[in-house]
């Protein structure tokens, strides 16, 4: 599975829009900075049909170190939650084929433009 970096995203957008990479990079960075600032204020960031980002506060709890079996206090944590929107779900569903493996098998394989092998 490949990973897209901010640099690769910048290059793609700059090429498609015929703009300088420096300008596109600054716009993308500003976009990320604004998202972080809004989430830090406790606000939701919603993009229709794409998805919603929001902060979830995880309660403090007691956990156990599996190696020593010692009980450890885990403090309150804030985490960013993302819920995919309709177009995101549809686009991803069309682009990947989920394996027929057992429970918990979350690997995906791209299927766009590939024919399935003939049955043996």
PDB file of N, CA and C in Angstrom:
ATOM      1  N   UNK A   1       0.849  -1.161   0.000  1.00  0.00           N
ATOM      2  CA  UNK A   1       0.000   0.000   0.000  1.00  0.00           C
ATOM      3  C   UNK A   1       0.905   1.238   0.000  1.00  0.00           C
ATOM      4  N   UNK A   2       0.633   2.154  -0.886  1.00  0.00           N
ATOM      5  CA  UNK A   2       1.444   3.365  -1.022  1.00  0.00           C
ATOM      6  C   UNK A   2       0.950   4.451  -0.077  1.00  0.00           C
ATOM      7  N   UNK A   3       1.816   5.413   0.200  1.00  0.00           N
ATOM      8  CA  UNK A   3       1.476   6.547   1.047  1.00  0.00           C
ATOM      9  C   UNK A   3       1.651   7.828   0.245  1.00  0.00           C
ATOM     10  N   UNK A   4       0.687   8.722   0.338  1.00  0.00           N
ATOM     11  CA  UNK A   4       0.817  10.013  -0.320  1.00  0.00           C
ATOM     12  C   UNK A   4       1.303  11.020   0.715  1.00  0.00           C
ATOM     13  N   UNK A   5       2.306  11.790   0.348  1.00  0.00           N
ATOM     14  CA  UNK A   5       2.836  12.811   1.238  1.00  0.00           C
ATOM     15  C   UNK A   5       2.276  14.176   0.846  1.00  0.00           C
ATOM     16  N   UNK A   6       2.490  15.145   1.728  1.00  0.00           N
ATOM     17  CA  UNK A   6       2.045  16.505   1.435  1.00  0.00           C
ATOM     18  C   UNK A   6       2.749  17.024   0.188  1.00  0.00           C
ATOM     19  N   UNK A   7       3.993  16.657   0.026  1.00  0.00           N
ATOM     20  CA  UNK A   7       4.755  17.099  -1.151  1.00  0.00           C
ATOM     21  C   UNK A   7       4.145  16.545  -2.443  1.00  0.00           C
ATOM     22  N   UNK A   8       3.787  15.258  -2.428  1.00  0.00           N
ATOM     23  CA  UNK A   8       3.168  14.658  -3.617  1.00  0.00           C
ATOM     24  C   UNK A   8       1.816  15.298  -3.914  1.00  0.00           C
ATOM     25  N   UNK A   9       1.040  15.563  -2.879  1.00  0.00           N
ATOM     26  CA  UNK A   9      -0.241  16.235  -3.056  1.00  0.00           C
ATOM     27  C   UNK A   9      -0.033  17.624  -3.654  1.00  0.00           C
ATOM     28  N   UNK A  10       0.949  18.340  -3.135  1.00  0.00           N
ATOM     29  CA  UNK A  10       1.272  19.673  -3.648  1.00  0.00           C
ATOM     30  C   UNK A  10       1.641  19.601  -5.123  1.00  0.00           C
ATOM     31  N   UNK A  11       2.478  18.647  -5.489  1.00  0.00           N
ATOM     32  CA  UNK A  11       2.892  18.507  -6.881  1.00  0.00           C
ATOM     33  C   UNK A  11       1.706  18.211  -7.794  1.00  0.00           C
ATOM     34  N   UNK A  12       0.837  17.318  -7.376  1.00  0.00           N
ATOM     35  CA  UNK A  12      -0.340  16.974  -8.199  1.00  0.00           C
ATOM     36  C   UNK A  12      -1.232  18.189  -8.419  1.00  0.00           C
ATOM     37  N   UNK A  13      -1.521  18.896  -7.336  1.00  0.00           N
ATOM     38  CA  UNK A  13      -2.408  20.061  -7.452  1.00  0.00           C
ATOM     39  C   UNK A  13      -1.743  21.155  -8.275  1.00  0.00           C
ATOM     40  N   UNK A  14      -0.470  21.406  -8.048  1.00  0.00           N
ATOM     41  CA  UNK A  14       0.241  22.445  -8.800  1.00  0.00           C
ATOM     42  C   UNK A  14       0.240  22.124 -10.290  1.00  0.00           C
ATOM     43  N   UNK A  15       0.472  20.872 -10.643  1.00  0.00           N
ATOM     44  CA  UNK A  15       0.457  20.474 -12.049  1.00  0.00           C
ATOM     45  C   UNK A  15      -0.932  20.620 -12.656  1.00  0.00           C
ATOM     46  N   UNK A  16      -1.949  20.164 -11.929  1.00  0.00           N
ATOM     47  CA  UNK A  16      -3.321  20.228 -12.441  1.00  0.00           C
ATOM     48  C   UNK A  16      -3.804  21.662 -12.591  1.00  0.00           C
ATOM     49  N   UNK A  17      -3.409  22.536 -11.675  1.00  0.00           N
ATOM     50  CA  UNK A  17      -3.875  23.925 -11.687  1.00  0.00           C
ATOM     51  C   UNK A  17      -2.912  24.861 -12.420  1.00  0.00           C
ATOM     52  N   UNK A  18      -1.766  24.299 -12.849  1.00  0.00           N
ATOM     53  CA  UNK A  18      -0.741  25.103 -13.517  1.00  0.00           C
ATOM     54  C   UNK A  18      -0.347  26.313 -12.666  1.00  0.00           C
ATOM     55  N   UNK A  19      -0.074  26.020 -11.379  1.00  0.00           N
ATOM     56  CA  UNK A  19       0.341  27.037 -10.417  1.00  0.00           C
ATOM     57  C   UNK A  19       1.716  26.667  -9.870  1.00  0.00           C
ATOM     58  N   UNK A  20       2.374  27.641  -9.275  1.00  0.00           N
ATOM     59  CA  UNK A  20       3.678  27.391  -8.662  1.00  0.00           C
ATOM     60  C   UNK A  20       3.514  26.509  -7.432  1.00  0.00           C
ATOM     61  N   UNK A  21       4.453  25.595  -7.246  1.00  0.00           N
ATOM     62  CA  UNK A  21       4.399  24.673  -6.112  1.00  0.00           C
ATOM     63  C   UNK A  21       4.472  25.410  -4.772  1.00  0.00           C
ATOM     64  N   UNK A  22       5.231  26.475  -4.725  1.00  0.00           N
ATOM     65  CA  UNK A  22       5.364  27.244  -3.485  1.00  0.00           C
ATOM     66  C   UNK A  22       4.005  27.799  -3.060  1.00  0.00           C
ATOM     67  N   UNK A  23       3.253  28.333  -3.997  1.00  0.00           N
ATOM     68  CA  UNK A  23       1.930  28.883  -3.696  1.00  0.00           C
ATOM     69  C   UNK A  23       0.992  27.779  -3.210  1.00  0.00           C
ATOM     70  N   UNK A  24       0.963  26.658  -3.917  1.00  0.00           N
ATOM     71  CA  UNK A  24       0.086  25.543  -3.550  1.00  0.00           C
ATOM     72  C   UNK A  24       0.486  24.986  -2.189  1.00  0.00           C
ATOM     73  N   UNK A  25       1.785  24.849  -1.947  1.00  0.00           N
ATOM     74  CA  UNK A  25       2.256  24.344  -0.647  1.00  0.00           C
ATOM     75  C   UNK A  25       1.793  25.250   0.488  1.00  0.00           C
ATOM     76  N   UNK A  26       1.895  26.575   0.295  1.00  0.00           N
ATOM     77  CA  UNK A  26       1.472  27.523   1.319  1.00  0.00           C
ATOM     78  C   UNK A  26      -0.033  27.446   1.572  1.00  0.00           C
ATOM     79  N   UNK A  27      -0.805  27.261   0.513  1.00  0.00           N
ATOM     80  CA  UNK A  27      -2.269  27.144   0.660  1.00  0.00           C
ATOM     81  C   UNK A  27      -2.620  25.876   1.434  1.00  0.00           C
ATOM     82  N   UNK A  28      -1.991  24.763   1.073  1.00  0.00           N
ATOM     83  CA  UNK A  28      -2.262  23.500   1.770  1.00  0.00           C
ATOM     84  C   UNK A  28      -1.870  23.607   3.240  1.00  0.00           C
ATOM     85  N   UNK A  29      -0.711  24.194   3.531  1.00  0.00           N
ATOM     86  CA  UNK A  29      -0.279  24.335   4.922  1.00  0.00           C
ATOM     87  C   UNK A  29      -1.234  25.231   5.704  1.00  0.00           C
ATOM     88  N   UNK A  30      -1.681  26.313   5.080  1.00  0.00           N
ATOM     89  CA  UNK A  30      -2.637  27.217   5.744  1.00  0.00           C
ATOM     90  C   UNK A  30      -3.945  26.489   6.040  1.00  0.00           C
ATOM     91  N   UNK A  31      -4.384  25.652   5.096  1.00  0.00           N
ATOM     92  CA  UNK A  31      -5.592  24.846   5.280  1.00  0.00           C
ATOM     93  C   UNK A  31      -5.441  23.939   6.502  1.00  0.00           C
ATOM     94  N   UNK A  32      -4.314  23.233   6.598  1.00  0.00           N
ATOM     95  CA  UNK A  32      -4.079  22.360   7.743  1.00  0.00           C
ATOM     96  C   UNK A  32      -4.018  23.153   9.045  1.00  0.00           C
ATOM     97  N   UNK A  33      -3.344  24.297   9.018  1.00  0.00           N
ATOM     98  CA  UNK A  33      -3.233  25.134  10.218  1.00  0.00           C
ATOM     99  C   UNK A  33      -4.608  25.593  10.696  1.00  0.00           C
ATOM    100  N   UNK A  34      -5.468  25.978   9.769  1.00  0.00           N
ATOM    101  CA  UNK A  34      -6.827  26.419  10.129  1.00  0.00           C
ATOM    102  C   UNK A  34      -7.644  25.275  10.712  1.00  0.00           C
ATOM    103  N   UNK A  35      -7.492  24.078  10.158  1.00  0.00           N
ATOM    104  CA  UNK A  35      -8.211  22.916  10.701  1.00  0.00           C
ATOM    105  C   UNK A  35      -7.773  22.645  12.133  1.00  0.00           C
ATOM    106  N   UNK A  36      -6.466  22.660  12.368  1.00  0.00           N
ATOM    107  CA  UNK A  36      -5.943  22.415  13.720  1.00  0.00           C
ATOM    108  C   UNK A  36      -6.446  23.482  14.678  1.00  0.00           C
ATOM    109  N   UNK A  37      -6.444  24.746  14.250  1.00  0.00           N
ATOM    110  CA  UNK A  37      -6.893  25.841  15.113  1.00  0.00           C
ATOM    111  C   UNK A  37      -8.367  25.672  15.492  1.00  0.00           C
ATOM    112  N   UNK A  38      -9.198  25.307  14.544  1.00  0.00           N
ATOM    113  CA  UNK A  38     -10.628  25.117  14.841  1.00  0.00           C
ATOM    114  C   UNK A  38     -10.851  23.932  15.774  1.00  0.00           C
ATOM    115  N   UNK A  39     -10.160  22.826  15.518  1.00  0.00           N
ATOM    116  CA  UNK A  39     -10.303  21.664  16.391  1.00  0.00           C
ATOM    117  C   UNK A  39      -9.801  21.977  17.799  1.00  0.00           C
ATOM    118  N   UNK A  40      -8.729  22.765  17.906  1.00  0.00           N
ATOM    119  CA  UNK A  40      -8.182  23.146  19.215  1.00  0.00           C
ATOM    120  C   UNK A  40      -9.174  23.997  20.005  1.00  0.00           C
ATOM    121  N   UNK A  41     -10.036  24.745  19.315  1.00  0.00           N
ATOM    122  CA  UNK A  41     -11.079  25.541  19.976  1.00  0.00           C
ATOM    123  C   UNK A  41     -12.257  24.673  20.414  1.00  0.00           C
ATOM    124  N   UNK A  42     -12.254  23.405  19.986  1.00  0.00           N
ATOM    125  CA  UNK A  42     -13.359  22.512  20.331  1.00  0.00           C
ATOM    126  C   UNK A  42     -14.442  22.480  19.273  1.00  0.00           C
ATOM    127  N   UNK A  43     -14.192  23.097  18.128  1.00  0.00           N
ATOM    128  CA  UNK A  43     -15.181  23.134  17.050  1.00  0.00           C
ATOM    129  C   UNK A  43     -15.064  21.916  16.144  1.00  0.00           C
ATOM    130  N   UNK A  44     -16.179  21.593  15.489  1.00  0.00           N
ATOM    131  CA  UNK A  44     -16.179  20.552  14.460  1.00  0.00           C
ATOM    132  C   UNK A  44     -15.729  21.176  13.149  1.00  0.00           C
ATOM    133  N   UNK A  45     -15.096  20.381  12.302  1.00  0.00           N
ATOM    134  CA  UNK A  45     -14.739  20.822  10.961  1.00  0.00           C
ATOM    135  C   UNK A  45     -15.458  19.880  10.009  1.00  0.00           C
ATOM    136  N   UNK A  46     -16.409  20.426   9.258  1.00  0.00           N
ATOM    137  CA  UNK A  46     -17.266  19.602   8.409  1.00  0.00           C
ATOM    138  C   UNK A  46     -17.120  20.010   6.953  1.00  0.00           C
ATOM    139  N   UNK A  47     -16.895  19.008   6.112  1.00  0.00           N
ATOM    140  CA  UNK A  47     -16.853  19.202   4.668  1.00  0.00           C
ATOM    141  C   UNK A  47     -17.952  18.317   4.095  1.00  0.00           C
ATOM    142  N   UNK A  48     -18.987  18.926   3.581  1.00  0.00           N
ATOM    143  CA  UNK A  48     -20.141  18.178   3.079  1.00  0.00           C
ATOM    144  C   UNK A  48     -19.703  17.086   2.115  1.00  0.00           C
ATOM    145  N   UNK A  49     -20.249  15.910   2.295  1.00  0.00           N
ATOM    146  CA  UNK A  49     -20.013  14.718   1.486  1.00  0.00           C
ATOM    147  C   UNK A  49     -18.609  14.139   1.632  1.00  0.00           C
ATOM    148  N   UNK A  50     -17.672  14.864   2.247  1.00  0.00           N
ATOM    149  CA  UNK A  50     -16.319  14.344   2.447  1.00  0.00           C
ATOM    150  C   UNK A  50     -16.200  13.721   3.831  1.00  0.00           C
ATOM    151  N   UNK A  51     -16.539  14.505   4.859  1.00  0.00           N
ATOM    152  CA  UNK A  51     -16.471  13.970   6.207  1.00  0.00           C
ATOM    153  C   UNK A  51     -16.427  15.043   7.269  1.00  0.00           C
ATOM    154  N   UNK A  52     -16.393  14.605   8.522  1.00  0.00           N
ATOM    155  CA  UNK A  52     -16.412  15.498   9.677  1.00  0.00           C
ATOM    156  C   UNK A  52     -15.261  15.131  10.604  1.00  0.00           C
ATOM    157  N   UNK A  53     -14.528  16.157  11.040  1.00  0.00           N
ATOM    158  CA  UNK A  53     -13.476  16.003  12.034  1.00  0.00           C
ATOM    159  C   UNK A  53     -13.991  16.615  13.324  1.00  0.00           C
ATOM    160  N   UNK A  54     -13.798  15.930  14.443  1.00  0.00           N
ATOM    161  CA  UNK A  54     -14.174  16.500  15.730  1.00  0.00           C
ATOM    162  C   UNK A  54     -13.291  15.915  16.830  1.00  0.00           C
ATOM    163  N   UNK A  55     -13.240  16.637  17.942  1.00  0.00           N
ATOM    164  CA  UNK A  55     -12.439  16.213  19.084  1.00  0.00           C
ATOM    165  C   UNK A  55     -13.292  15.331  19.991  1.00  0.00           C
ATOM    166  N   UNK A  56     -12.721  14.215  20.420  1.00  0.00           N
ATOM    167  CA  UNK A  56     -13.349  13.340  21.406  1.00  0.00           C
ATOM    168  C   UNK A  56     -12.447  13.312  22.630  1.00  0.00           C
ATOM    169  N   UNK A  57     -13.058  13.484  23.795  1.00  0.00           N
ATOM    170  CA  UNK A  57     -12.300  13.435  25.042  1.00  0.00           C
ATOM    171  C   UNK A  57     -12.444  12.029  25.614  1.00  0.00           C
ATOM    172  N   UNK A  58     -11.317  11.387  25.860  1.00  0.00           N
ATOM    173  CA  UNK A  58     -11.320  10.049  26.447  1.00  0.00           C
ATOM    174  C   UNK A  58     -11.147  10.182  27.955  1.00  0.00           C
ATOM    175  N   UNK A  59     -12.012   9.533  28.691  1.00  0.00           N
ATOM    176  CA  UNK A  59     -12.001   9.614  30.146  1.00  0.00           C
ATOM    177  C   UNK A  59     -10.733   8.992  30.730  1.00  0.00           C
ATOM    178  N   UNK A  60     -10.342   9.453  31.914  1.00  0.00           N
ATOM    179  CA  UNK A  60      -9.208   8.792  32.579  1.00  0.00           C
ATOM    180  C   UNK A  60      -9.635   7.379  32.988  1.00  0.00           C
ATOM    181  N   UNK A  61      -8.673   6.477  33.014  1.00  0.00           N
ATOM    182  CA  UNK A  61      -9.007   5.086  33.353  1.00  0.00           C
ATOM    183  C   UNK A  61      -7.791   4.398  33.952  1.00  0.00           C
ATOM    184  N   UNK A  62      -8.047   3.238  34.503  1.00  0.00           N
ATOM    185  CA  UNK A  62      -6.967   2.405  35.015  1.00  0.00           C
ATOM    186  C   UNK A  62      -6.682   1.323  33.976  1.00  0.00           C
ATOM    187  N   UNK A  63      -5.409   1.101  33.691  1.00  0.00           N
ATOM    188  CA  UNK A  63      -4.992   0.076  32.744  1.00  0.00           C
ATOM    189  C   UNK A  63      -3.985  -0.827  33.441  1.00  0.00           C
ATOM    190  N   UNK A  64      -3.533  -1.846  32.728  1.00  0.00           N
ATOM    191  CA  UNK A  64      -2.591  -2.784  33.323  1.00  0.00           C
ATOM    192  C   UNK A  64      -1.424  -2.995  32.368  1.00  0.00           C
ATOM    193  N   UNK A  65      -0.205  -2.880  32.894  1.00  0.00           N
ATOM    194  CA  UNK A  65       0.986  -3.154  32.118  1.00  0.00           C
ATOM    195  C   UNK A  65       1.033  -4.669  31.889  1.00  0.00           C
ATOM    196  N   UNK A  66       0.982  -5.121  30.635  1.00  0.00           N
ATOM    197  CA  UNK A  66       0.925  -6.565  30.387  1.00  0.00           C
ATOM    198  C   UNK A  66       2.197  -7.305  30.800  1.00  0.00           C
ATOM    199  N   UNK A  67       3.314  -6.610  30.835  1.00  0.00           N
ATOM    200  CA  UNK A  67       4.575  -7.270  31.191  1.00  0.00           C
ATOM    201  C   UNK A  67       4.690  -7.466  32.699  1.00  0.00           C
ATOM    202  N   UNK A  68       4.371  -6.418  33.472  1.00  0.00           N
ATOM    203  CA  UNK A  68       4.554  -6.490  34.930  1.00  0.00           C
ATOM    204  C   UNK A  68       3.247  -6.705  35.685  1.00  0.00           C
ATOM    205  N   UNK A  69       2.120  -6.589  34.984  1.00  0.00           N
ATOM    206  CA  UNK A  69       0.774  -6.689  35.565  1.00  0.00           C
ATOM    207  C   UNK A  69       0.506  -5.568  36.568  1.00  0.00           C
ATOM    208  N   UNK A  70       1.324  -4.540  36.539  1.00  0.00           N
ATOM    209  CA  UNK A  70       1.150  -3.397  37.433  1.00  0.00           C
ATOM    210  C   UNK A  70      -0.001  -2.517  36.914  1.00  0.00           C
ATOM    211  N   UNK A  71      -0.833  -2.038  37.816  1.00  0.00           N
ATOM    212  CA  UNK A  71      -1.941  -1.146  37.447  1.00  0.00           C
ATOM    213  C   UNK A  71      -1.377   0.258  37.229  1.00  0.00           C
ATOM    214  N   UNK A  72      -1.838   0.899  36.147  1.00  0.00           N
ATOM    215  CA  UNK A  72      -1.321   2.208  35.764  1.00  0.00           C
ATOM    216  C   UNK A  72      -2.497   3.129  35.473  1.00  0.00           C
ATOM    217  N   UNK A  73      -2.417   4.359  35.964  1.00  0.00           N
ATOM    218  CA  UNK A  73      -3.463   5.350  35.690  1.00  0.00           C
ATOM    219  C   UNK A  73      -3.197   5.990  34.323  1.00  0.00           C
ATOM    220  N   UNK A  74      -4.213   5.978  33.470  1.00  0.00           N
ATOM    221  CA  UNK A  74      -4.115   6.612  32.149  1.00  0.00           C
ATOM    222  C   UNK A  74      -4.885   7.931  32.241  1.00  0.00           C
ATOM    223  N   UNK A  75      -4.235   9.059  31.969  1.00  0.00           N
ATOM    224  CA  UNK A  75      -4.906  10.360  32.117  1.00  0.00           C
ATOM    225  C   UNK A  75      -5.920  10.632  31.005  1.00  0.00           C
ATOM    226  N   UNK A  76      -6.655  11.717  31.165  1.00  0.00           N
ATOM    227  CA  UNK A  76      -7.599  12.179  30.141  1.00  0.00           C
ATOM    228  C   UNK A  76      -6.829  12.434  28.854  1.00  0.00           C
ATOM    229  N   UNK A  77      -7.421  12.055  27.720  1.00  0.00           N
ATOM    230  CA  UNK A  77      -6.793  12.298  26.423  1.00  0.00           C
ATOM    231  C   UNK A  77      -7.808  12.895  25.467  1.00  0.00           C
ATOM    232  N   UNK A  78      -7.314  13.727  24.576  1.00  0.00           N
ATOM    233  CA  UNK A  78      -8.132  14.252  23.485  1.00  0.00           C
ATOM    234  C   UNK A  78      -7.668  13.592  22.203  1.00  0.00           C
ATOM    235  N   UNK A  79      -8.613  13.161  21.387  1.00  0.00           N
ATOM    236  CA  UNK A  79      -8.277  12.517  20.118  1.00  0.00           C
ATOM    237  C   UNK A  79      -9.150  13.112  19.028  1.00  0.00           C
ATOM    238  N   UNK A  80      -8.630  13.159  17.818  1.00  0.00           N
ATOM    239  CA  UNK A  80      -9.402  13.636  16.678  1.00  0.00           C
ATOM    240  C   UNK A  80     -10.129  12.449  16.074  1.00  0.00           C
ATOM    241  N   UNK A  81     -11.430  12.600  15.910  1.00  0.00           N
ATOM    242  CA  UNK A  81     -12.249  11.558  15.309  1.00  0.00           C
ATOM    243  C   UNK A  81     -12.655  12.030  13.920  1.00  0.00           C
ATOM    244  N   UNK A  82     -12.609  11.129  12.950  1.00  0.00           N
ATOM    245  CA  UNK A  82     -13.042  11.448  11.592  1.00  0.00           C
ATOM    246  C   UNK A  82     -14.155  10.503  11.214  1.00  0.00           C
ATOM    247  N   UNK A  83     -15.240  11.064  10.704  1.00  0.00           N
ATOM    248  CA  UNK A  83     -16.337  10.252  10.210  1.00  0.00           C
ATOM    249  C   UNK A  83     -16.478  10.559   8.729  1.00  0.00           C
ATOM    250  N   UNK A  84     -16.302   9.545   7.897  1.00  0.00           N
ATOM    251  CA  UNK A  84     -16.350   9.722   6.450  1.00  0.00           C
ATOM    252  C   UNK A  84     -17.754  10.091   5.988  1.00  0.00           C
ATOM    253  N   UNK A  85     -17.796  10.959   4.997  1.00  0.00           N
ATOM    254  CA  UNK A  85     -19.057  11.372   4.394  1.00  0.00           C
ATOM    255  C   UNK A  85     -19.458  10.446   3.258  1.00  0.00           C
ATOM    256  N   UNK A  86     -20.616  10.713   2.674  1.00  0.00           N
ATOM    257  CA  UNK A  86     -21.198   9.860   1.643  1.00  0.00           C
ATOM    258  C   UNK A  86     -20.286   9.692   0.427  1.00  0.00           C
ATOM    259  N   UNK A  87     -19.799  10.783  -0.144  1.00  0.00           N
ATOM    260  CA  UNK A  87     -18.961  10.681  -1.342  1.00  0.00           C
ATOM    261  C   UNK A  87     -17.630   9.996  -1.048  1.00  0.00           C
ATOM    262  N   UNK A  88     -17.080  10.228   0.129  1.00  0.00           N
ATOM    263  CA  UNK A  88     -15.839   9.553   0.526  1.00  0.00           C
ATOM    264  C   UNK A  88     -16.073   8.049   0.586  1.00  0.00           C
ATOM    265  N   UNK A  89     -17.143   7.637   1.247  1.00  0.00           N
ATOM    266  CA  UNK A  89     -17.443   6.213   1.372  1.00  0.00           C
ATOM    267  C   UNK A  89     -17.654   5.573  -0.002  1.00  0.00           C
ATOM    268  N   UNK A  90     -18.439   6.238  -0.849  1.00  0.00           N
ATOM    269  CA  UNK A  90     -18.720   5.701  -2.182  1.00  0.00           C
ATOM    270  C   UNK A  90     -17.448   5.614  -3.022  1.00  0.00           C
ATOM    271  N   UNK A  91     -16.617   6.652  -2.990  1.00  0.00           N
ATOM    272  CA  UNK A  91     -15.389   6.658  -3.772  1.00  0.00           C
ATOM    273  C   UNK A  91     -14.418   5.574  -3.349  1.00  0.00           C
ATOM    274  N   UNK A  92     -14.278   5.385  -2.046  1.00  0.00           N
ATOM    275  CA  UNK A  92     -13.376   4.353  -1.536  1.00  0.00           C
ATOM    276  C   UNK A  92     -13.927   2.974  -1.847  1.00  0.00           C
ATOM    277  N   UNK A  93     -15.229   2.801  -1.702  1.00  0.00           N
ATOM    278  CA  UNK A  93     -15.846   1.501  -1.957  1.00  0.00           C
ATOM    279  C   UNK A  93     -15.657   1.076  -3.408  1.00  0.00           C
ATOM    280  N   UNK A  94     -15.748   2.022  -4.336  1.00  0.00           N
ATOM    281  CA  UNK A  94     -15.553   1.714  -5.756  1.00  0.00           C
ATOM    282  C   UNK A  94     -14.097   1.384  -6.068  1.00  0.00           C
ATOM    283  N   UNK A  95     -13.167   1.990  -5.329  1.00  0.00           N
ATOM    284  CA  UNK A  95     -11.744   1.865  -5.646  1.00  0.00           C
ATOM    285  C   UNK A  95     -11.080   0.634  -5.060  1.00  0.00           C
ATOM    286  N   UNK A  96     -11.636   0.040  -4.022  1.00  0.00           N
ATOM    287  CA  UNK A  96     -10.982  -1.100  -3.381  1.00  0.00           C
ATOM    288  C   UNK A  96     -11.918  -2.291  -3.290  1.00  0.00           C
ATOM    289  N   UNK A  97     -11.312  -3.463  -3.252  1.00  0.00           N
ATOM    290  CA  UNK A  97     -12.057  -4.697  -3.069  1.00  0.00           C
ATOM    291  C   UNK A  97     -11.680  -5.246  -1.705  1.00  0.00           C
ATOM    292  N   UNK A  98     -12.657  -5.457  -0.880  1.00  0.00           N
ATOM    293  CA  UNK A  98     -12.393  -5.999   0.447  1.00  0.00           C
ATOM    294  C   UNK A  98     -12.146  -7.499   0.343  1.00  0.00           C
ATOM    295  N   UNK A  99     -11.165  -8.020   1.077  1.00  0.00           N
ATOM    296  CA  UNK A  99     -10.863  -9.453   1.027  1.00  0.00           C
ATOM    297  C   UNK A  99     -11.977 -10.268   1.666  1.00  0.00           C
ATOM    298  N   UNK A 100     -12.017 -11.529   1.344  1.00  0.00           N
ATOM    299  CA  UNK A 100     -13.031 -12.416   1.912  1.00  0.00           C
ATOM    300  C   UNK A 100     -12.501 -13.141   3.124  1.00  0.00           C
ATOM    301  N   UNK A 101     -11.434 -12.618   3.727  1.00  0.00           N
ATOM    302  CA  UNK A 101     -10.809 -13.243   4.899  1.00  0.00           C
ATOM    303  C   UNK A 101     -11.725 -13.231   6.097  1.00  0.00           C
ATOM    304  N   UNK A 102     -11.211 -13.722   7.180  1.00  0.00           N
ATOM    305  CA  UNK A 102     -11.981 -13.805   8.416  1.00  0.00           C
ATOM    306  C   UNK A 102     -12.129 -12.465   9.088  1.00  0.00           C
ATOM    307  N   UNK A 103     -12.740 -12.485  10.258  1.00  0.00           N
ATOM    308  CA  UNK A 103     -12.937 -11.261  11.027  1.00  0.00           C
ATOM    309  C   UNK A 103     -11.609 -10.605  11.327  1.00  0.00           C
ATOM    310  N   UNK A 104     -11.604  -9.286  11.349  1.00  0.00           N
ATOM    311  CA  UNK A 104     -10.421  -8.555  11.722  1.00  0.00           C
ATOM    312  C   UNK A 104      -9.439  -8.352  10.582  1.00  0.00           C
ATOM    313  N   UNK A 105      -9.656  -8.969   9.427  1.00  0.00           N
ATOM    314  CA  UNK A 105      -8.769  -8.786   8.283  1.00  0.00           C
ATOM    315  C   UNK A 105      -9.168  -7.488   7.594  1.00  0.00           C
ATOM    316  N   UNK A 106      -8.400  -6.431   7.815  1.00  0.00           N
ATOM    317  CA  UNK A 106      -8.755  -5.124   7.305  1.00  0.00           C
ATOM    318  C   UNK A 106      -7.910  -4.703   6.113  1.00  0.00           C
ATOM    319  N   UNK A 107      -7.125  -5.605   5.580  1.00  0.00           N
ATOM    320  CA  UNK A 107      -6.301  -5.235   4.436  1.00  0.00           C
ATOM    321  C   UNK A 107      -7.185  -5.070   3.213  1.00  0.00           C
ATOM    322  N   UNK A 108      -6.760  -4.204   2.309  1.00  0.00           N
ATOM    323  CA  UNK A 108      -7.513  -3.963   1.088  1.00  0.00           C
ATOM    324  C   UNK A 108      -6.576  -4.092  -0.096  1.00  0.00           C
ATOM    325  N   UNK A 109      -7.156  -4.423  -1.218  1.00  0.00           N
ATOM    326  CA  UNK A 109      -6.361  -4.493  -2.431  1.00  0.00           C
ATOM    327  C   UNK A 109      -7.038  -3.666  -3.500  1.00  0.00           C
ATOM    328  N   UNK A 110      -6.290  -2.825  -4.209  1.00  0.00           N
ATOM    329  CA  UNK A 110      -6.884  -2.009  -5.246  1.00  0.00           C
ATOM    330  C   UNK A 110      -7.421  -2.880  -6.366  1.00  0.00           C
ATOM    331  N   UNK A 111      -8.583  -2.504  -6.888  1.00  0.00           N
ATOM    332  CA  UNK A 111      -9.175  -3.286  -7.958  1.00  0.00           C
ATOM    333  C   UNK A 111      -9.508  -2.441  -9.164  1.00  0.00           C
ATOM    334  N   UNK A 112      -9.248  -1.147  -9.110  1.00  0.00           N
ATOM    335  CA  UNK A 112      -9.609  -0.263 -10.204  1.00  0.00           C
ATOM    336  C   UNK A 112      -8.896  -0.675 -11.478  1.00  0.00           C
ATOM    337  N   UNK A 113      -9.667  -1.024 -12.482  1.00  0.00           N
ATOM    338  CA  UNK A 113      -9.111  -1.337 -13.779  1.00  0.00           C
ATOM    339  C   UNK A 113      -8.482  -2.713 -13.883  1.00  0.00           C
ATOM    340  N   UNK A 114      -8.667  -3.562 -12.912  1.00  0.00           N
ATOM    341  CA  UNK A 114      -8.077  -4.888 -12.965  1.00  0.00           C
ATOM    342  C   UNK A 114      -9.176  -5.929 -13.067  1.00  0.00           C
ATOM    343  N   UNK A 115      -8.973  -6.878 -13.958  1.00  0.00           N
ATOM    344  CA  UNK A 115      -9.925  -7.973 -14.080  1.00  0.00           C
ATOM    345  C   UNK A 115      -9.581  -9.039 -13.064  1.00  0.00           C
ATOM    346  N   UNK A 116     -10.592  -9.738 -12.576  1.00  0.00           N
ATOM    347  CA  UNK A 116     -10.325 -10.795 -11.608  1.00  0.00           C
ATOM    348  C   UNK A 116      -9.786 -12.012 -12.345  1.00  0.00           C
ATOM    349  N   UNK A 117      -8.926 -12.805 -11.693  1.00  0.00           N
ATOM    350  CA  UNK A 117      -8.352 -13.979 -12.358  1.00  0.00           C
ATOM    351  C   UNK A 117      -9.422 -15.014 -12.629  1.00  0.00           C
ATOM    352  N   UNK A 118      -9.259 -15.812 -13.700  1.00  0.00           N
ATOM    353  CA  UNK A 118     -10.276 -16.837 -14.014  1.00  0.00           C
ATOM    354  C   UNK A 118     -10.274 -17.930 -12.945  1.00  0.00           C
ATOM    355  N   UNK A 119     -11.442 -18.518 -12.687  1.00  0.00           N
ATOM    356  CA  UNK A 119     -11.518 -19.568 -11.676  1.00  0.00           C
ATOM    357  C   UNK A 119     -10.703 -20.784 -12.113  1.00  0.00           C
ATOM    358  N   UNK A 120     -10.111 -21.465 -11.134  1.00  0.00           N
ATOM    359  CA  UNK A 120      -9.263 -22.617 -11.433  1.00  0.00           C
ATOM    360  C   UNK A 120     -10.073 -23.885 -11.506  1.00  0.00           C
TER     361      UNK A 120
END
